[in-house]
Amino acid sequence: MTRADLHVHSTASDGTDPPARVMQRAGQAGLDVVALTDHDTVAGHAEARAALPAGLTLLPGMELSARLNDRSVHLLAYLFDPDQPDLAAELARIRDDRVIRARAMVDKLIALGVDTSWDQVAAIAGQSVVGRPHIARAMVAAGAIAEPSQAFTADWIADNGRAYEDRYALEPVRAIGLVRAAGGVTVLAHPRSGGEYTVSDTEITGLAEAGLAGVEVNHPDHSQAERAELSALAQRLNLVATGGSDDHGSLTGYRIGGELAPDGAFEALVARVPSKNL
């Protein structure tokens, strides 16, 4: 059996460990394959490759921001060419808008009495692609909340919360097409994780018709019943059923390797990639 965790994050986006440390932890977890899937960036891939322990394969990836029917949808993209012009341009626009959105959320928090600033959030994010977890950590530092998870409520920065701000994201059919044009494949991330991230069977069917390659079945937010339903749906739609821990380091309790892709999923996914640049 190939032990593959196909969904992990680093400090290139909103994880708390540098890519090299993520690779070290993946090796310590006994993984055969790990996918580095930072939000809207591949900035951590070079460091990750340089730090790979013996026997560990890096599946280069990214978690791509999309929007379906005014709801956030995340797509895990693998083995694409990040320099493909159309995809690269969209990624740059998404990252730029993340900064605009984060600044707006900080302004809303200040108006709500939180003693924070954009400079503080920017310092926490560093060179990373800025995201809500960076804002949550700034809120902890300001004493507004005790731990980052408390930021993700209607009172603060949860979807449609008091300090929430929307941002630019791709329509998922276009995102799937861009990744395919760049030689890669896409997998729908955590479609049963609740709230805006829930994607219906009908919507998944439409994405499959547009060229989606797989669906994330094994995820910490998915119940056993949801996993069974998604597995059956994947089989009906000829999608690869995948899985991963969605590890963000200390923010998620260092859970890399805690969720694995089903046996054979890594090989099935790679088999669908036109150019397998492992």
C-alpha atoms as a PDB file:
ATOM      1  CA  MET A   1       0.000   0.000   0.000  1.00  0.00           C
ATOM      2  CA  THR A   2       1.237   3.495  -0.868  1.00  0.00           C
ATOM      3  CA  ARG A   3       0.883   5.752   2.164  1.00  0.00           C
ATOM      4  CA  ALA A   4      -0.034   9.072   0.532  1.00  0.00           C
ATOM      5  CA  ASP A   5      -1.182  12.315   2.161  1.00  0.00           C
ATOM      6  CA  LEU A   6      -2.296  14.472  -0.755  1.00  0.00           C
ATOM      7  CA  HIS A   7      -3.211  17.691   1.064  1.00  0.00           C
ATOM      8  CA  VAL A   8      -0.744  19.572   3.305  1.00  0.00           C
ATOM      9  CA  HIS A   9       0.251  23.216   3.831  1.00  0.00           C
ATOM     10  CA  SER A  10       3.400  25.117   4.781  1.00  0.00           C
ATOM     11  CA  THR A  11       4.470  28.673   5.545  1.00  0.00           C
ATOM     12  CA  ALA A  12       4.312  29.351   1.800  1.00  0.00           C
ATOM     13  CA  SER A  13       0.639  30.001   2.568  1.00  0.00           C
ATOM     14  CA  ASP A  14      -1.113  29.590   5.918  1.00  0.00           C
ATOM     15  CA  GLY A  15       0.670  26.627   7.504  1.00  0.00           C
ATOM     16  CA  THR A  16       2.991  27.184  10.464  1.00  0.00           C
ATOM     17  CA  ASP A  17       5.971  25.025   9.380  1.00  0.00           C
ATOM     18  CA  PRO A  18       8.436  25.798   6.560  1.00  0.00           C
ATOM     19  CA  PRO A  19       8.316  23.415   3.580  1.00  0.00           C
ATOM     20  CA  ALA A  20      11.523  21.654   4.657  1.00  0.00           C
ATOM     21  CA  ARG A  21      10.071  20.926   8.087  1.00  0.00           C
ATOM     22  CA  VAL A  22       6.835  19.688   6.491  1.00  0.00           C
ATOM     23  CA  MET A  23       8.846  17.204   4.431  1.00  0.00           C
ATOM     24  CA  GLN A  24      10.722  16.088   7.544  1.00  0.00           C
ATOM     25  CA  ARG A  25       7.462  15.517   9.385  1.00  0.00           C
ATOM     26  CA  ALA A  26       6.037  13.620   6.403  1.00  0.00           C
ATOM     27  CA  GLY A  27       9.017  11.281   6.499  1.00  0.00           C
ATOM     28  CA  GLN A  28       8.665  10.818  10.240  1.00  0.00           C
ATOM     29  CA  ALA A  29       4.981   9.938   9.705  1.00  0.00           C
ATOM     30  CA  GLY A  30       6.028   7.054   7.474  1.00  0.00           C
ATOM     31  CA  LEU A  31       4.561   8.484   4.284  1.00  0.00           C
ATOM     32  CA  ASP A  32       5.586   7.304   0.838  1.00  0.00           C
ATOM     33  CA  VAL A  33       4.035  10.316  -0.926  1.00  0.00           C
ATOM     34  CA  VAL A  34       3.167  13.817   0.250  1.00  0.00           C
ATOM     35  CA  ALA A  35       1.555  16.613  -1.753  1.00  0.00           C
ATOM     36  CA  LEU A  36       2.458  20.187  -0.846  1.00  0.00           C
ATOM     37  CA  THR A  37      -0.736  22.109  -1.643  1.00  0.00           C
ATOM     38  CA  ASP A  38      -0.366  25.675  -0.412  1.00  0.00           C
ATOM     39  CA  HIS A  39      -3.094  28.156  -1.248  1.00  0.00           C
ATOM     40  CA  ASP A  40      -2.717  29.684  -4.725  1.00  0.00           C
ATOM     41  CA  THR A  41       1.086  29.292  -4.781  1.00  0.00           C
ATOM     42  CA  VAL A  42       3.885  26.860  -5.554  1.00  0.00           C
ATOM     43  CA  ALA A  43       6.468  28.981  -3.734  1.00  0.00           C
ATOM     44  CA  GLY A  44       7.346  26.191  -1.297  1.00  0.00           C
ATOM     45  CA  HIS A  45       8.099  23.478  -3.850  1.00  0.00           C
ATOM     46  CA  ALA A  46      11.820  24.171  -4.367  1.00  0.00           C
ATOM     47  CA  GLU A  47      12.565  24.095  -0.635  1.00  0.00           C
ATOM     48  CA  ALA A  48      10.440  20.969  -0.231  1.00  0.00           C
ATOM     49  CA  ARG A  49      12.269  19.128  -3.029  1.00  0.00           C
ATOM     50  CA  ALA A  50      15.648  20.021  -1.555  1.00  0.00           C
ATOM     51  CA  ALA A  51      14.618  18.641   1.842  1.00  0.00           C
ATOM     52  CA  LEU A  52      12.972  15.364   0.775  1.00  0.00           C
ATOM     53  CA  PRO A  53      13.962  12.464   3.034  1.00  0.00           C
ATOM     54  CA  ALA A  54      15.022   9.231   1.369  1.00  0.00           C
ATOM     55  CA  GLY A  55      12.043   7.201   0.200  1.00  0.00           C
ATOM     56  CA  LEU A  56       9.562  10.096   0.183  1.00  0.00           C
ATOM     57  CA  THR A  57       8.028  11.293  -3.094  1.00  0.00           C
ATOM     58  CA  LEU A  58       6.817  14.893  -3.415  1.00  0.00           C
ATOM     59  CA  LEU A  59       3.645  15.360  -5.445  1.00  0.00           C
ATOM     60  CA  PRO A  60       3.787  19.057  -6.407  1.00  0.00           C
ATOM     61  CA  GLY A  61       0.422  20.709  -5.980  1.00  0.00           C
ATOM     62  CA  MET A  62      -1.580  23.731  -4.903  1.00  0.00           C
ATOM     63  CA  GLU A  63      -4.978  24.472  -3.377  1.00  0.00           C
ATOM     64  CA  LEU A  64      -6.662  26.759  -5.870  1.00  0.00           C
ATOM     65  CA  SER A  65      -9.336  29.258  -4.842  1.00  0.00           C
ATOM     66  CA  ALA A  66     -12.604  29.037  -6.750  1.00  0.00           C
ATOM     67  CA  ARG A  67     -16.168  30.257  -6.347  1.00  0.00           C
ATOM     68  CA  LEU A  68     -19.301  28.300  -7.246  1.00  0.00           C
ATOM     69  CA  ASN A  69     -22.747  29.911  -6.980  1.00  0.00           C
ATOM     70  CA  ASP A  70     -21.364  32.580  -4.610  1.00  0.00           C
ATOM     71  CA  ARG A  71     -19.748  29.954  -2.364  1.00  0.00           C
ATOM     72  CA  SER A  72     -16.082  29.199  -1.778  1.00  0.00           C
ATOM     73  CA  VAL A  73     -14.819  26.022  -3.441  1.00  0.00           C
ATOM     74  CA  HIS A  74     -11.269  24.735  -3.246  1.00  0.00           C
ATOM     75  CA  LEU A  75      -9.596  22.659  -5.938  1.00  0.00           C
ATOM     76  CA  LEU A  76      -6.428  20.664  -5.350  1.00  0.00           C
ATOM     77  CA  ALA A  77      -4.307  20.927  -8.485  1.00  0.00           C
ATOM     78  CA  TYR A  78      -1.399  18.588  -9.162  1.00  0.00           C
ATOM     79  CA  LEU A  79       1.484  18.238 -11.632  1.00  0.00           C
ATOM     80  CA  PHE A  80       0.701  21.372 -13.643  1.00  0.00           C
ATOM     81  CA  ASP A  81       3.132  23.854 -15.157  1.00  0.00           C
ATOM     82  CA  PRO A  82       2.908  26.943 -12.895  1.00  0.00           C
ATOM     83  CA  ASP A  83       4.480  29.074 -15.609  1.00  0.00           C
ATOM     84  CA  GLN A  84       1.705  28.432 -18.110  1.00  0.00           C
ATOM     85  CA  PRO A  85       0.780  32.068 -18.948  1.00  0.00           C
ATOM     86  CA  ASP A  86      -2.990  32.000 -18.430  1.00  0.00           C
ATOM     87  CA  LEU A  87      -2.780  30.087 -15.159  1.00  0.00           C
ATOM     88  CA  ALA A  88       0.124  32.193 -13.877  1.00  0.00           C
ATOM     89  CA  ALA A  89      -1.786  35.409 -14.593  1.00  0.00           C
ATOM     90  CA  GLU A  90      -4.850  34.203 -12.696  1.00  0.00           C
ATOM     91  CA  LEU A  91      -2.749  33.077  -9.730  1.00  0.00           C
ATOM     92  CA  ALA A  92      -1.093  36.491  -9.559  1.00  0.00           C
ATOM     93  CA  ARG A  93      -4.499  38.178  -9.572  1.00  0.00           C
ATOM     94  CA  ILE A  94      -5.783  35.873  -6.819  1.00  0.00           C
ATOM     95  CA  ARG A  95      -2.745  36.533  -4.623  1.00  0.00           C
ATOM     96  CA  ASP A  96      -2.959  40.301  -5.162  1.00  0.00           C
ATOM     97  CA  ASP A  97      -6.614  40.283  -4.202  1.00  0.00           C
ATOM     98  CA  ARG A  98      -5.841  38.299  -1.062  1.00  0.00           C
ATOM     99  CA  VAL A  99      -3.846  41.304   0.152  1.00  0.00           C
ATOM    100  CA  ILE A 100      -6.628  43.742  -0.682  1.00  0.00           C
ATOM    101  CA  ARG A 101      -9.128  41.527   1.111  1.00  0.00           C
ATOM    102  CA  ALA A 102      -6.926  41.051   4.183  1.00  0.00           C
ATOM    103  CA  ARG A 103      -6.437  44.807   4.520  1.00  0.00           C
ATOM    104  CA  ALA A 104     -10.206  45.315   4.355  1.00  0.00           C
ATOM    105  CA  MET A 105     -10.771  42.666   7.037  1.00  0.00           C
ATOM    106  CA  VAL A 106      -8.195  44.278   9.301  1.00  0.00           C
ATOM    107  CA  ASP A 107      -9.972  47.629   8.895  1.00  0.00           C
ATOM    108  CA  LYS A 108     -13.263  45.988   9.874  1.00  0.00           C
ATOM    109  CA  LEU A 109     -11.657  44.387  12.936  1.00  0.00           C
ATOM    110  CA  ILE A 110     -10.224  47.727  14.027  1.00  0.00           C
ATOM    111  CA  ALA A 111     -13.695  49.256  13.671  1.00  0.00           C
ATOM    112  CA  LEU A 112     -14.981  46.448  15.907  1.00  0.00           C
ATOM    113  CA  GLY A 113     -12.454  47.359  18.591  1.00  0.00           C
ATOM    114  CA  VAL A 114      -9.677  44.846  17.900  1.00  0.00           C
ATOM    115  CA  ASP A 115      -6.272  46.400  18.603  1.00  0.00           C
ATOM    116  CA  THR A 116      -4.451  45.133  15.526  1.00  0.00           C
ATOM    117  CA  SER A 117      -3.022  46.542  12.305  1.00  0.00           C
ATOM    118  CA  TRP A 118      -2.164  45.585   8.757  1.00  0.00           C
ATOM    119  CA  ASP A 119       1.549  45.821   9.604  1.00  0.00           C
ATOM    120  CA  GLN A 120       1.068  43.199  12.306  1.00  0.00           C
ATOM    121  CA  VAL A 121      -0.738  40.816   9.943  1.00  0.00           C
ATOM    122  CA  ALA A 122       1.855  41.406   7.240  1.00  0.00           C
ATOM    123  CA  ALA A 123       4.646  40.617   9.703  1.00  0.00           C
ATOM    124  CA  ILE A 124       2.979  37.330  10.656  1.00  0.00           C
ATOM    125  CA  ALA A 125       2.448  36.389   7.014  1.00  0.00           C
ATOM    126  CA  GLY A 126       5.965  37.387   5.947  1.00  0.00           C
ATOM    127  CA  GLN A 127       6.540  36.223   2.381  1.00  0.00           C
ATOM    128  CA  SER A 128       3.604  33.813   2.571  1.00  0.00           C
ATOM    129  CA  VAL A 129       0.384  34.115   0.605  1.00  0.00           C
ATOM    130  CA  VAL A 130      -1.754  35.964   3.137  1.00  0.00           C
ATOM    131  CA  GLY A 131      -4.869  34.246   4.448  1.00  0.00           C
ATOM    132  CA  ARG A 132      -7.386  34.394   7.254  1.00  0.00           C
ATOM    133  CA  PRO A 133      -5.249  32.245   9.606  1.00  0.00           C
ATOM    134  CA  HIS A 134      -2.661  35.035   9.633  1.00  0.00           C
ATOM    135  CA  ILE A 135      -5.378  37.490  10.674  1.00  0.00           C
ATOM    136  CA  ALA A 136      -6.556  35.040  13.331  1.00  0.00           C
ATOM    137  CA  ARG A 137      -3.044  34.857  14.781  1.00  0.00           C
ATOM    138  CA  ALA A 138      -2.902  38.658  14.897  1.00  0.00           C
ATOM    139  CA  MET A 139      -6.200  38.659  16.777  1.00  0.00           C
ATOM    140  CA  VAL A 140      -4.705  36.293  19.360  1.00  0.00           C
ATOM    141  CA  ALA A 141      -1.697  38.583  19.732  1.00  0.00           C
ATOM    142  CA  ALA A 142      -4.087  41.508  20.241  1.00  0.00           C
ATOM    143  CA  GLY A 143      -5.910  39.642  23.011  1.00  0.00           C
ATOM    144  CA  ALA A 144      -9.242  39.656  21.170  1.00  0.00           C
ATOM    145  CA  ILE A 145      -9.432  35.863  21.201  1.00  0.00           C
ATOM    146  CA  ALA A 146      -7.587  33.079  23.020  1.00  0.00           C
ATOM    147  CA  GLU A 147      -6.770  30.850  20.071  1.00  0.00           C
ATOM    148  CA  PRO A 148      -6.929  31.188  16.256  1.00  0.00           C
ATOM    149  CA  SER A 149      -9.932  28.888  15.819  1.00  0.00           C
ATOM    150  CA  GLN A 150     -12.079  31.384  17.736  1.00  0.00           C
ATOM    151  CA  ALA A 151     -11.668  33.881  14.892  1.00  0.00           C
ATOM    152  CA  PHE A 152     -13.696  31.717  12.548  1.00  0.00           C
ATOM    153  CA  THR A 153     -17.135  32.610  13.912  1.00  0.00           C
ATOM    154  CA  ALA A 154     -19.929  34.910  12.797  1.00  0.00           C
ATOM    155  CA  ASP A 155     -18.632  37.463  15.308  1.00  0.00           C
ATOM    156  CA  TRP A 156     -15.323  37.728  13.488  1.00  0.00           C
ATOM    157  CA  ILE A 157     -13.922  36.427  10.190  1.00  0.00           C
ATOM    158  CA  ALA A 158     -15.949  33.329   9.365  1.00  0.00           C
ATOM    159  CA  ASP A 159     -17.716  33.392   5.994  1.00  0.00           C
ATOM    160  CA  ASN A 160     -20.203  36.256   6.180  1.00  0.00           C
ATOM    161  CA  GLY A 161     -18.982  37.192   9.664  1.00  0.00           C
ATOM    162  CA  ARG A 162     -18.880  40.787  10.901  1.00  0.00           C
ATOM    163  CA  ALA A 163     -15.319  41.313   9.667  1.00  0.00           C
ATOM    164  CA  TYR A 164     -15.493  39.043   6.629  1.00  0.00           C
ATOM    165  CA  GLU A 165     -14.566  40.370   3.199  1.00  0.00           C
ATOM    166  CA  ASP A 166     -15.088  38.543  -0.080  1.00  0.00           C
ATOM    167  CA  ARG A 167     -12.281  38.167  -2.622  1.00  0.00           C
ATOM    168  CA  TYR A 168     -11.576  37.276  -6.213  1.00  0.00           C
ATOM    169  CA  ALA A 169     -11.659  33.582  -7.089  1.00  0.00           C
ATOM    170  CA  LEU A 170     -11.986  31.557 -10.262  1.00  0.00           C
ATOM    171  CA  GLU A 171     -15.161  29.967 -11.510  1.00  0.00           C
ATOM    172  CA  PRO A 172     -14.352  26.247 -10.977  1.00  0.00           C
ATOM    173  CA  VAL A 173     -14.981  25.098 -14.551  1.00  0.00           C
ATOM    174  CA  ARG A 174     -12.506  27.729 -15.739  1.00  0.00           C
ATOM    175  CA  ALA A 175     -10.058  26.696 -13.010  1.00  0.00           C
ATOM    176  CA  ILE A 176     -10.266  23.054 -14.101  1.00  0.00           C
ATOM    177  CA  GLY A 177      -9.662  24.091 -17.700  1.00  0.00           C
ATOM    178  CA  LEU A 178      -6.661  26.256 -16.788  1.00  0.00           C
ATOM    179  CA  VAL A 179      -5.017  23.445 -14.840  1.00  0.00           C
ATOM    180  CA  ARG A 180      -5.667  20.968 -17.641  1.00  0.00           C
ATOM    181  CA  ALA A 181      -4.190  23.404 -20.173  1.00  0.00           C
ATOM    182  CA  ALA A 182      -1.125  23.589 -17.927  1.00  0.00           C
ATOM    183  CA  GLY A 183      -0.766  19.798 -18.077  1.00  0.00           C
ATOM    184  CA  GLY A 184      -2.215  18.995 -14.645  1.00  0.00           C
ATOM    185  CA  VAL A 185      -5.246  17.509 -12.934  1.00  0.00           C
ATOM    186  CA  THR A 186      -7.707  18.805 -10.338  1.00  0.00           C
ATOM    187  CA  VAL A 187      -9.390  17.228  -7.321  1.00  0.00           C
ATOM    188  CA  LEU A 188     -12.295  18.797  -5.447  1.00  0.00           C
ATOM    189  CA  ALA A 189     -11.167  19.488  -1.876  1.00  0.00           C
ATOM    190  CA  HIS A 190     -13.245  18.623   1.229  1.00  0.00           C
ATOM    191  CA  PRO A 191     -16.703  18.873  -0.411  1.00  0.00           C
ATOM    192  CA  ARG A 192     -18.469  17.848   2.822  1.00  0.00           C
ATOM    193  CA  SER A 193     -16.606  20.105   5.245  1.00  0.00           C
ATOM    194  CA  GLY A 194     -19.717  22.124   5.995  1.00  0.00           C
ATOM    195  CA  GLY A 195     -20.968  25.644   5.434  1.00  0.00           C
ATOM    196  CA  GLU A 196     -20.052  27.305   2.167  1.00  0.00           C
ATOM    197  CA  TYR A 197     -17.593  24.536   1.350  1.00  0.00           C
ATOM    198  CA  THR A 198     -20.320  21.914   0.911  1.00  0.00           C
ATOM    199  CA  VAL A 199     -20.648  20.881  -2.728  1.00  0.00           C
ATOM    200  CA  SER A 200     -23.700  18.892  -3.780  1.00  0.00           C
ATOM    201  CA  ASP A 201     -23.681  15.671  -5.798  1.00  0.00           C
ATOM    202  CA  THR A 202     -25.269  17.560  -8.682  1.00  0.00           C
ATOM    203  CA  GLU A 203     -22.545  20.203  -8.608  1.00  0.00           C
ATOM    204  CA  ILE A 204     -19.818  17.551  -8.411  1.00  0.00           C
ATOM    205  CA  THR A 205     -21.368  15.825 -11.428  1.00  0.00           C
ATOM    206  CA  GLY A 206     -21.141  19.073 -13.380  1.00  0.00           C
ATOM    207  CA  LEU A 207     -17.495  19.521 -12.419  1.00  0.00           C
ATOM    208  CA  ALA A 208     -16.746  15.942 -13.467  1.00  0.00           C
ATOM    209  CA  GLU A 209     -18.245  16.690 -16.863  1.00  0.00           C
ATOM    210  CA  ALA A 210     -15.921  19.713 -17.082  1.00  0.00           C
ATOM    211  CA  GLY A 211     -12.829  17.574 -16.552  1.00  0.00           C
ATOM    212  CA  LEU A 212     -12.437  17.194 -12.780  1.00  0.00           C
ATOM    213  CA  ALA A 213     -10.156  14.213 -12.109  1.00  0.00           C
ATOM    214  CA  GLY A 214     -10.959  13.376  -8.505  1.00  0.00           C
ATOM    215  CA  VAL A 215     -12.747  14.143  -5.264  1.00  0.00           C
ATOM    216  CA  GLU A 216     -11.238  14.282  -1.785  1.00  0.00           C
ATOM    217  CA  VAL A 217     -13.014  11.586   0.213  1.00  0.00           C
ATOM    218  CA  ASN A 218     -10.777  11.078   3.256  1.00  0.00           C
ATOM    219  CA  HIS A 219     -10.564  14.381   5.137  1.00  0.00           C
ATOM    220  CA  PRO A 220     -10.692  15.217   8.866  1.00  0.00           C
ATOM    221  CA  ASP A 221     -13.980  17.108   8.401  1.00  0.00           C
ATOM    222  CA  HIS A 222     -15.747  14.180   6.703  1.00  0.00           C
ATOM    223  CA  SER A 223     -17.788  11.653   8.683  1.00  0.00           C
ATOM    224  CA  GLN A 224     -17.645   7.957   7.839  1.00  0.00           C
ATOM    225  CA  ALA A 225     -21.108   8.197   6.275  1.00  0.00           C
ATOM    226  CA  GLU A 226     -20.007  11.144   4.101  1.00  0.00           C
ATOM    227  CA  ARG A 227     -16.901   9.237   3.027  1.00  0.00           C
ATOM    228  CA  ALA A 228     -18.999   6.278   1.961  1.00  0.00           C
ATOM    229  CA  GLU A 229     -21.336   8.525  -0.030  1.00  0.00           C
ATOM    230  CA  LEU A 230     -18.462  10.348  -1.715  1.00  0.00           C
ATOM    231  CA  SER A 231     -16.684   7.081  -2.547  1.00  0.00           C
ATOM    232  CA  ALA A 232     -19.812   5.769  -4.245  1.00  0.00           C
ATOM    233  CA  LEU A 233     -20.250   9.035  -6.136  1.00  0.00           C
ATOM    234  CA  ALA A 234     -16.622   8.989  -7.270  1.00  0.00           C
ATOM    235  CA  GLN A 235     -17.043   5.464  -8.584  1.00  0.00           C
ATOM    236  CA  ARG A 236     -20.187   6.414 -10.499  1.00  0.00           C
ATOM    237  CA  LEU A 237     -18.524   9.461 -12.053  1.00  0.00           C
ATOM    238  CA  ASN A 238     -15.179   7.773 -12.772  1.00  0.00           C
ATOM    239  CA  LEU A 239     -13.386  10.150 -10.417  1.00  0.00           C
ATOM    240  CA  VAL A 240     -10.329   9.229  -8.359  1.00  0.00           C
ATOM    241  CA  ALA A 241     -11.210   9.108  -4.648  1.00  0.00           C
ATOM    242  CA  THR A 242      -8.325  10.805  -2.805  1.00  0.00           C
ATOM    243  CA  GLY A 243      -7.550  11.937   0.707  1.00  0.00           C
ATOM    244  CA  GLY A 244      -5.295  14.023   2.903  1.00  0.00           C
ATOM    245  CA  SER A 245      -4.832  15.520   6.328  1.00  0.00           C
ATOM    246  CA  ASP A 246      -5.162  19.210   5.343  1.00  0.00           C
ATOM    247  CA  ASP A 247      -2.349  19.739   7.842  1.00  0.00           C
ATOM    248  CA  HIS A 248      -1.507  23.346   8.726  1.00  0.00           C
ATOM    249  CA  GLY A 249       1.077  22.578  11.403  1.00  0.00           C
ATOM    250  CA  SER A 250       0.260  23.877  14.885  1.00  0.00           C
ATOM    251  CA  LEU A 251      -3.037  25.348  13.680  1.00  0.00           C
ATOM    252  CA  THR A 252      -4.413  21.834  13.091  1.00  0.00           C
ATOM    253  CA  GLY A 253      -2.505  19.891  15.717  1.00  0.00           C
ATOM    254  CA  TYR A 254       0.329  18.555  13.547  1.00  0.00           C
ATOM    255  CA  ARG A 255      -1.834  15.932  11.882  1.00  0.00           C
ATOM    256  CA  ILE A 256       0.215  15.166   8.745  1.00  0.00           C
ATOM    257  CA  GLY A 257      -0.310  11.523   7.802  1.00  0.00           C
ATOM    258  CA  GLY A 258      -3.436  11.371   9.944  1.00  0.00           C
ATOM    259  CA  GLU A 259      -5.565  10.986   6.828  1.00  0.00           C
ATOM    260  CA  LEU A 260      -4.406   9.013   3.792  1.00  0.00           C
ATOM    261  CA  ALA A 261      -5.597   8.649   0.235  1.00  0.00           C
ATOM    262  CA  PRO A 262      -7.258   5.294  -0.484  1.00  0.00           C
ATOM    263  CA  ASP A 263      -4.923   2.581  -1.722  1.00  0.00           C
ATOM    264  CA  GLY A 264      -4.109   3.113  -5.380  1.00  0.00           C
ATOM    265  CA  ALA A 265      -5.382   6.702  -5.479  1.00  0.00           C
ATOM    266  CA  PHE A 266      -1.954   8.278  -5.980  1.00  0.00           C
ATOM    267  CA  GLU A 267      -1.162   5.980  -8.899  1.00  0.00           C
ATOM    268  CA  ALA A 268      -4.612   6.480 -10.442  1.00  0.00           C
ATOM    269  CA  LEU A 269      -4.282  10.244 -10.199  1.00  0.00           C
ATOM    270  CA  VAL A 270      -0.813  10.325 -11.760  1.00  0.00           C
ATOM    271  CA  ALA A 271      -2.060   8.074 -14.566  1.00  0.00           C
ATOM    272  CA  ARG A 272      -4.459  10.859 -15.582  1.00  0.00           C
ATOM    273  CA  VAL A 273      -1.701  13.467 -15.926  1.00  0.00           C
ATOM    274  CA  PRO A 274      -0.467  14.019 -19.513  1.00  0.00           C
ATOM    275  CA  SER A 275       3.085  14.885 -18.392  1.00  0.00           C
ATOM    276  CA  LYS A 276       4.069  13.308 -15.115  1.00  0.00           C
ATOM    277  CA  ASN A 277       6.674  15.713 -13.733  1.00  0.00           C
ATOM    278  CA  LEU A 278       7.373  14.007 -10.432  1.00  0.00           C
END
